[in-house]
Amino acid sequence: MRDILPVIAPWYRAGLPFGLATVVATSRSAPRDPGAAMAVGPDDEVVGSVSGGCVEGAVFELAREVVASGEARLETFGYSDEDAFAVGLTCGGEITLLVRPVTARSDPAFGEVAESVAAGRPVTVATVTDGPAPRGATLAAWPDQVRGTLGAPGLDVAVTADARGELALGVTGLRHYGPHGERREDAVGVFLHSFAPPPRMLVFGAIDYAAAVARIGDFLGYRVTVCDARPVFATPKRFPEGVEVIVDWPHRYLSGTDTDERTVICVLTHDPKFDVPLLEEALRRPAAYIGAMGSRRTHDERMRRLAESGLGEGELARLRSPVGLDLGARTPEEVAVSVAAEIVALRWGGSGTPLTATAGAIHPRGARATSPRR
């Protein structure tokens, strides 16, 4: 959804109705996660994808139909021998889509939501999928305000509380309630789509490897900052457009910067006077990933110094060093792929083992993480 908003927001502002299909539930080897979206707008223009191509043709027709009728629809697509290559999923998975018309009347908060997402302001959109409530009704919840209604005051109150909780975690998913917001009932399905600000990637050490890591971090959806104490190296022209470049002592910058459980910290300074005090600070604060570049000899010496600084075994165990997966990488770009692969594997609980050497589901059920572009 985040990726298609720059296209569909102008449709909304121009008063042009469009059909919006959103993945609200999946099972088995579904090709896209909940929150993936596709829109059909003026002149049958299509943006986005809900299945990587498997069912887009059928969804295109559904989107046109809901715009014409003004009624939202809930549809499930799965695999069968008869229709797998027509409107089914050849991967063997199953996806459930909510397809709804979007107009200023049906979704009065859509424009404000789009502006918030573009500005990095957190918001969760709750949409009724099924049950005794108006299908397609939406409620937008920010940390400090609410817009819209799902049709019942009690339902609005319960969903708003859950939406803000999920927003704090950056989680997107389907929840169920009673008709008036009762939490132990499942009559009403509500899809909570969280638009948390992109997670941060903090890269320390303005070297050629940092430029490659910053580039792939930006590609993965992180808000990337590069920090180095040496102004001759920490110059914006050496890094991709959109990457923030800071001249400061790394540990001092980190001590004054907020991090959370989604933050990625890559220490590429390769110099004890920078990386030891920096890692002392990093290992004592929340972060999803803390990796440090260096040889095994450098790693052993670094760990000795960190232990002498008072860090405990649990804190030291958080350090991923030497950084990255064993890909045989040599160039800065290859090393960046290695680092990114380790970050992704840690986020989703992957083993890093080639899929040809594994068995069972490629995407295990129950895996949960906060995806940057969710």
Protein backbone atom coordinates (compact mmCIF):
# COMPACT_ATOMS: atom_id res chain seq x y z
CA MET A 1 0.00 0.00 0.00
CA ARG A 2 2.78 2.41 0.92
CA ASP A 3 4.29 2.01 -2.54
CA ILE A 4 1.08 2.74 -4.49
CA LEU A 5 -0.12 5.71 -2.45
CA PRO A 6 1.79 8.26 -4.59
CA VAL A 7 -0.36 7.14 -7.55
CA ILE A 8 -3.76 6.64 -5.93
CA ALA A 9 -3.71 9.71 -3.64
CA PRO A 10 -3.97 12.08 -6.65
CA TRP A 11 -6.97 10.05 -7.90
CA TYR A 12 -8.66 10.62 -4.56
CA ARG A 13 -7.86 14.34 -4.50
CA ALA A 14 -9.25 14.70 -8.03
CA GLY A 15 -12.53 13.03 -7.00
CA LEU A 16 -11.92 9.99 -9.23
CA PRO A 17 -13.31 6.76 -7.70
CA PHE A 18 -11.13 3.67 -7.76
CA GLY A 19 -11.22 0.07 -6.61
CA LEU A 20 -8.75 -0.96 -3.94
CA ALA A 21 -7.91 -4.63 -3.30
CA THR A 22 -6.00 -5.47 -0.12
CA VAL A 23 -4.67 -8.81 1.10
CA VAL A 24 -6.24 -9.29 4.53
CA ALA A 25 -5.35 -12.94 5.24
CA THR A 26 -3.09 -15.67 3.84
CA SER A 27 -2.31 -19.33 4.37
CA ARG A 28 0.43 -21.72 3.30
CA SER A 29 2.79 -20.39 0.60
CA ALA A 30 0.91 -17.21 -0.24
CA PRO A 31 2.95 -14.93 -2.52
CA ARG A 32 2.20 -11.63 -0.73
CA ASP A 33 1.75 -10.69 2.92
CA PRO A 34 -1.33 -9.04 4.45
CA GLY A 35 -1.34 -5.37 3.50
CA ALA A 36 -0.23 -5.91 -0.10
CA ALA A 37 -2.51 -3.88 -2.34
CA MET A 38 -3.61 -3.30 -5.92
CA ALA A 39 -5.76 -0.47 -7.23
CA VAL A 40 -7.73 -0.01 -10.45
CA GLY A 41 -8.40 3.61 -11.29
CA PRO A 42 -9.39 5.94 -14.10
CA ASP A 43 -9.10 4.53 -17.62
CA ASP A 44 -8.52 1.08 -16.04
CA GLU A 45 -5.04 2.04 -14.87
CA VAL A 46 -3.61 -0.61 -12.54
CA VAL A 47 -0.99 -0.13 -9.82
CA GLY A 48 0.32 -2.57 -7.24
CA SER A 49 0.06 -6.34 -6.89
CA VAL A 50 -1.68 -8.77 -4.55
CA SER A 51 -0.27 -12.07 -5.77
CA GLY A 52 2.73 -11.47 -8.00
CA GLY A 53 0.60 -12.04 -11.10
CA CYS A 54 -1.43 -15.16 -10.27
CA VAL A 55 -4.87 -13.61 -9.74
CA GLU A 56 -4.43 -10.01 -10.84
CA GLY A 57 -6.69 -10.48 -13.87
CA ALA A 58 -9.61 -11.61 -11.72
CA VAL A 59 -8.94 -8.86 -9.16
CA PHE A 60 -8.97 -6.28 -11.94
CA GLU A 61 -12.52 -7.30 -12.85
CA LEU A 62 -13.57 -7.35 -9.18
CA ALA A 63 -12.24 -3.85 -8.65
CA ARG A 64 -14.20 -2.54 -11.62
CA GLU A 65 -17.35 -4.23 -10.31
CA VAL A 66 -17.11 -2.75 -6.81
CA VAL A 67 -16.63 0.74 -8.24
CA ALA A 68 -19.74 0.27 -10.38
CA SER A 69 -21.83 -1.18 -7.54
CA GLY A 70 -20.44 0.83 -4.64
CA GLU A 71 -20.35 -2.38 -2.57
CA ALA A 72 -17.20 -3.93 -1.07
CA ARG A 73 -16.52 -7.64 -1.56
CA LEU A 74 -14.46 -10.26 0.26
CA GLU A 75 -12.96 -12.93 -1.99
CA THR A 76 -10.63 -15.87 -1.39
CA PHE A 77 -8.31 -17.28 -4.02
CA GLY A 78 -6.56 -20.61 -3.64
CA TYR A 79 -5.17 -23.51 -5.59
CA SER A 80 -7.16 -26.14 -7.46
CA ASP A 81 -6.28 -28.36 -10.37
CA GLU A 82 -9.09 -26.86 -12.44
CA ASP A 83 -8.37 -23.18 -12.08
CA ALA A 84 -4.78 -22.90 -10.89
CA PHE A 85 -3.70 -21.32 -14.15
CA ALA A 86 -6.84 -19.24 -14.57
CA VAL A 87 -7.71 -17.39 -11.36
CA GLY A 88 -5.95 -19.59 -8.79
CA LEU A 89 -2.60 -19.50 -7.02
CA THR A 90 -0.12 -21.84 -8.65
CA CYS A 91 2.07 -21.69 -5.54
CA GLY A 92 -0.51 -23.71 -3.63
CA GLY A 93 -1.28 -20.97 -1.12
CA GLU A 94 -4.44 -19.05 -0.36
CA ILE A 95 -5.15 -15.33 -0.06
CA THR A 96 -8.23 -13.47 1.07
CA LEU A 97 -8.81 -10.05 -0.44
CA LEU A 98 -11.05 -7.18 0.54
CA VAL A 99 -11.96 -5.26 -2.60
CA ARG A 100 -13.69 -1.95 -1.94
CA PRO A 101 -14.55 1.28 -3.74
CA VAL A 102 -12.74 4.37 -2.52
CA THR A 103 -14.36 7.78 -2.82
CA ALA A 104 -14.50 10.88 -0.65
CA ARG A 105 -17.92 9.74 0.55
CA SER A 106 -17.03 6.13 1.35
CA ASP A 107 -13.65 6.94 2.91
CA PRO A 108 -13.48 10.60 4.04
CA ALA A 109 -10.18 10.12 5.92
CA PHE A 110 -8.26 8.55 3.01
CA GLY A 111 -6.59 11.81 1.95
CA GLU A 112 -5.38 12.53 5.48
CA VAL A 113 -4.10 8.98 5.84
CA ALA A 114 -2.15 9.31 2.58
CA GLU A 115 -0.61 12.58 3.76
CA SER A 116 0.37 11.00 7.08
CA VAL A 117 2.03 8.03 5.41
CA ALA A 118 3.95 10.30 3.05
CA ALA A 119 5.12 12.44 5.99
CA GLY A 120 6.10 9.44 8.11
CA ARG A 121 3.38 10.12 10.67
CA PRO A 122 2.13 6.83 12.21
CA VAL A 123 -1.46 5.80 11.52
CA THR A 124 -3.47 2.58 11.48
CA VAL A 125 -6.44 2.07 9.16
CA ALA A 126 -9.12 -0.35 10.39
CA THR A 127 -11.51 -1.76 7.76
CA VAL A 128 -14.49 -4.06 8.25
CA THR A 129 -14.08 -7.25 6.21
CA ASP A 130 -17.19 -9.23 7.18
CA GLY A 131 -19.93 -9.73 9.76
CA PRO A 132 -22.86 -7.58 10.97
CA ALA A 133 -21.10 -4.29 10.27
CA PRO A 134 -20.82 -2.33 7.02
CA ARG A 135 -18.25 -4.15 4.91
CA GLY A 136 -15.58 -1.71 3.73
CA ALA A 137 -16.27 0.83 6.50
CA THR A 138 -13.03 2.40 7.71
CA LEU A 139 -11.67 4.04 10.82
CA ALA A 140 -8.27 5.76 10.90
CA ALA A 141 -6.47 5.94 14.25
CA TRP A 142 -3.51 8.17 14.95
CA PRO A 143 -1.83 8.36 18.37
CA ASP A 144 -3.77 11.57 19.06
CA GLN A 145 -6.95 11.44 16.95
CA VAL A 146 -9.51 9.20 15.23
CA ARG A 147 -11.45 9.65 11.98
CA GLY A 148 -14.32 7.58 10.67
CA THR A 149 -16.56 4.89 12.14
CA LEU A 150 -17.16 1.16 11.73
CA GLY A 151 -20.86 1.52 12.43
CA ALA A 152 -21.13 1.01 16.22
CA PRO A 153 -19.67 3.15 19.04
CA GLY A 154 -18.54 0.14 21.09
CA LEU A 155 -16.82 -1.39 18.07
CA ASP A 156 -15.08 1.92 17.35
CA VAL A 157 -13.75 2.12 20.91
CA ALA A 158 -12.39 -1.44 20.96
CA VAL A 159 -10.85 -1.21 17.50
CA THR A 160 -9.24 2.17 18.22
CA ALA A 161 -7.52 0.78 21.30
CA ASP A 162 -6.24 -2.25 19.39
CA ALA A 163 -5.22 -0.13 16.39
CA ARG A 164 -3.01 2.06 18.55
CA GLY A 165 -1.48 -0.97 20.21
CA GLU A 166 -0.70 -2.60 16.87
CA LEU A 167 0.65 0.72 15.58
CA ALA A 168 3.20 0.83 18.41
CA LEU A 169 4.43 -2.59 17.24
CA GLY A 170 4.11 -1.87 13.53
CA VAL A 171 1.86 -4.93 13.12
CA THR A 172 -0.71 -5.51 10.37
CA GLY A 173 -3.37 -8.24 10.60
CA LEU A 174 -6.96 -9.40 10.94
CA ARG A 175 -8.81 -9.11 14.28
CA HIS A 176 -12.29 -10.22 15.32
CA TYR A 177 -14.91 -8.67 17.62
CA GLY A 178 -18.52 -8.87 18.60
CA PRO A 179 -21.02 -6.48 16.96
CA HIS A 180 -20.42 -3.89 19.68
CA GLY A 181 -16.70 -4.47 20.18
CA GLU A 182 -16.89 -7.53 22.43
CA ARG A 183 -13.39 -9.00 22.51
CA ARG A 184 -14.29 -12.65 23.04
CA GLU A 185 -16.53 -12.87 20.01
CA ASP A 186 -15.66 -13.25 16.33
CA ALA A 187 -18.75 -11.97 14.52
CA VAL A 188 -17.04 -8.96 12.93
CA GLY A 189 -13.76 -9.18 11.04
CA VAL A 190 -11.64 -6.02 11.06
CA PHE A 191 -8.37 -5.64 9.17
CA LEU A 192 -5.84 -3.43 10.97
CA HIS A 193 -3.30 -1.97 8.55
CA SER A 194 -0.49 -0.22 10.40
CA PHE A 195 1.59 2.43 8.72
CA ALA A 196 4.39 2.89 11.21
CA PRO A 197 7.29 5.15 10.15
CA PRO A 198 10.04 3.21 8.36
CA PRO A 199 12.52 1.57 10.75
CA ARG A 200 15.95 3.11 11.02
CA MET A 201 19.28 1.78 9.82
CA LEU A 202 22.24 3.46 11.50
CA VAL A 203 25.52 2.93 9.67
CA PHE A 204 28.70 4.01 11.44
CA GLY A 205 31.88 4.56 9.46
CA ALA A 206 31.77 6.47 6.17
CA ILE A 207 33.78 3.97 4.14
CA ASP A 208 33.05 2.36 0.77
CA TYR A 209 31.35 -0.57 2.49
CA ALA A 210 29.05 1.90 4.27
CA ALA A 211 27.92 3.38 0.96
CA ALA A 212 26.95 -0.08 -0.30
CA VAL A 213 25.18 -1.01 2.96
CA ALA A 214 23.33 2.33 2.96
CA ARG A 215 22.18 1.73 -0.61
CA ILE A 216 20.78 -1.72 0.11
CA GLY A 217 19.25 -0.52 3.38
CA ASP A 218 17.39 2.20 1.51
CA PHE A 219 16.23 -0.41 -1.03
CA LEU A 220 14.86 -2.57 1.81
CA GLY A 221 12.81 0.33 3.13
CA TYR A 222 14.91 1.57 6.04
CA ARG A 223 15.46 5.24 6.86
CA VAL A 224 19.24 5.26 6.64
CA THR A 225 21.68 7.48 8.54
CA VAL A 226 25.46 7.31 8.09
CA CYS A 227 27.62 8.75 10.87
CA ASP A 228 31.38 9.33 11.01
CA ALA A 229 33.56 11.67 13.04
CA ARG A 230 35.74 12.49 10.00
CA PRO A 231 34.24 15.28 7.88
CA VAL A 232 36.49 14.47 4.92
CA PHE A 233 34.68 11.11 4.57
CA ALA A 234 31.20 11.96 5.86
CA THR A 235 30.00 13.94 2.84
CA PRO A 236 26.54 13.51 1.24
CA LYS A 237 27.96 13.18 -2.27
CA ARG A 238 29.57 9.85 -1.31
CA PHE A 239 26.21 8.30 -0.44
CA PRO A 240 22.88 7.63 -2.15
CA GLU A 241 20.34 10.43 -2.34
CA GLY A 242 18.00 10.37 0.62
CA VAL A 243 20.59 8.96 3.03
CA GLU A 244 21.21 11.25 6.00
CA VAL A 245 24.92 11.93 6.67
CA ILE A 246 26.06 13.06 10.12
CA VAL A 247 29.49 14.28 11.22
CA ASP A 248 29.90 13.36 14.89
CA TRP A 249 31.63 10.88 17.17
CA PRO A 250 29.61 7.68 16.69
CA HIS A 251 28.99 6.90 20.36
CA ARG A 252 28.00 10.49 21.08
CA TYR A 253 25.55 10.55 18.18
CA LEU A 254 24.00 7.22 19.18
CA SER A 255 23.63 8.28 22.80
CA GLY A 256 21.41 11.16 21.67
CA THR A 257 19.39 9.12 19.13
CA ASP A 258 16.24 7.11 19.75
CA THR A 259 16.26 3.44 18.77
CA ASP A 260 13.58 0.77 19.03
CA GLU A 261 13.10 -2.95 18.47
CA ARG A 262 13.12 -2.41 14.69
CA THR A 263 16.37 -0.42 14.49
CA VAL A 264 19.36 -1.89 12.63
CA ILE A 265 22.86 -0.79 13.71
CA CYS A 266 25.83 -1.54 11.46
CA VAL A 267 29.26 -0.70 12.90
CA LEU A 268 31.75 -0.44 10.05
CA THR A 269 34.22 1.95 11.68
CA HIS A 270 36.86 -0.78 11.90
CA ASP A 271 38.75 1.24 14.53
CA PRO A 272 38.73 0.43 18.29
CA LYS A 273 38.64 4.06 19.35
CA PHE A 274 35.34 4.41 17.51
CA ASP A 275 33.68 1.00 17.64
CA VAL A 276 34.30 -0.04 21.27
CA PRO A 277 32.58 2.98 22.92
CA LEU A 278 29.93 2.84 20.17
CA LEU A 279 29.16 -0.82 20.83
CA GLU A 280 29.09 -0.21 24.58
CA GLU A 281 26.23 2.20 23.90
CA ALA A 282 24.53 0.08 21.22
CA LEU A 283 24.44 -3.17 23.20
CA ARG A 284 22.67 -1.47 26.11
CA ARG A 285 19.75 -0.16 24.07
CA PRO A 286 16.87 -1.63 22.03
CA ALA A 287 17.69 -2.75 18.49
CA ALA A 288 16.70 -5.52 16.12
CA TYR A 289 20.22 -6.06 14.84
CA ILE A 290 23.70 -4.95 15.89
CA GLY A 291 26.52 -6.00 13.58
CA ALA A 292 30.19 -5.06 13.53
CA MET A 293 32.77 -5.47 10.78
CA GLY A 294 36.20 -6.92 11.45
CA SER A 295 38.39 -10.00 11.30
CA ARG A 296 38.06 -12.77 13.85
CA ARG A 297 41.15 -11.44 15.61
CA THR A 298 39.56 -7.97 15.71
CA HIS A 299 36.35 -9.52 16.99
CA ASP A 300 38.11 -11.37 19.83
CA GLU A 301 39.96 -8.24 20.94
CA ARG A 302 36.78 -6.18 20.69
CA MET A 303 34.84 -8.68 22.80
CA ARG A 304 37.57 -8.63 25.46
CA ARG A 305 37.38 -4.85 25.69
CA LEU A 306 33.60 -4.84 25.78
CA ALA A 307 33.58 -7.42 28.58
CA GLU A 308 36.05 -5.27 30.53
CA SER A 309 33.66 -2.33 30.11
CA GLY A 310 31.06 -4.19 32.18
CA LEU A 311 28.79 -5.65 29.50
CA GLY A 312 27.25 -8.98 30.49
CA GLU A 313 27.04 -12.22 28.51
CA GLY A 314 23.49 -11.51 27.40
CA GLU A 315 24.42 -8.10 26.03
CA LEU A 316 27.53 -9.42 24.29
CA ALA A 317 25.52 -12.25 22.71
CA ARG A 318 23.48 -9.67 20.78
CA LEU A 319 26.52 -8.66 18.71
CA ARG A 320 26.66 -10.14 15.19
CA SER A 321 30.36 -10.17 14.44
CA PRO A 322 32.00 -10.68 12.03
CA VAL A 323 29.06 -9.03 10.31
CA GLY A 324 27.02 -10.79 7.61
CA LEU A 325 26.38 -14.30 6.33
CA ASP A 326 29.09 -16.47 4.81
CA LEU A 327 28.58 -15.78 1.10
CA GLY A 328 32.25 -15.53 0.18
CA ALA A 329 31.71 -11.80 -0.38
CA ARG A 330 34.66 -9.66 -1.45
CA THR A 331 33.52 -6.34 -2.91
CA PRO A 332 31.64 -3.68 -0.90
CA GLU A 333 28.47 -4.49 -2.82
CA GLU A 334 28.80 -8.22 -2.12
CA VAL A 335 29.46 -7.54 1.56
CA ALA A 336 26.34 -5.35 1.64
CA VAL A 337 24.30 -8.27 0.28
CA SER A 338 25.81 -10.48 2.98
CA VAL A 339 24.85 -8.01 5.71
CA ALA A 340 21.34 -7.53 4.30
CA ALA A 341 20.87 -11.30 4.11
CA GLU A 342 21.75 -11.65 7.79
CA ILE A 343 19.37 -8.85 8.75
CA VAL A 344 16.50 -10.44 6.81
CA ALA A 345 17.27 -13.91 8.19
CA LEU A 346 17.29 -12.60 11.75
CA ARG A 347 14.06 -10.65 11.23
CA TRP A 348 12.14 -13.70 9.97
CA GLY A 349 13.97 -16.46 11.84
CA GLY A 350 15.62 -17.82 8.71
CA SER A 351 18.55 -20.23 8.91
CA GLY A 352 20.61 -18.89 6.01
CA THR A 353 20.68 -22.41 4.59
CA PRO A 354 20.14 -22.82 0.82
CA LEU A 355 16.50 -23.73 0.18
CA THR A 356 17.62 -26.70 -1.90
CA ALA A 357 19.06 -28.19 1.32
CA THR A 358 15.84 -27.73 3.32
CA ALA A 359 12.43 -29.38 3.35
CA GLY A 360 8.93 -28.31 4.32
CA ALA A 361 7.28 -24.91 4.01
CA ILE A 362 9.40 -22.10 2.61
CA HIS A 363 7.54 -19.58 4.76
CA PRO A 364 6.73 -21.31 8.08
CA ARG A 365 3.31 -20.55 9.50
CA GLY A 366 3.40 -18.33 12.55
CA ALA A 367 6.47 -16.38 11.45
CA ARG A 368 6.01 -12.79 12.51
CA ALA A 369 8.06 -9.69 12.00
CA THR A 370 7.79 -6.01 11.31
CA SER A 371 8.44 -5.50 7.58
CA PRO A 372 9.81 -2.01 6.67
CA ARG A 373 7.44 -1.54 3.84
CA ARG A 374 4.38 -3.03 5.57
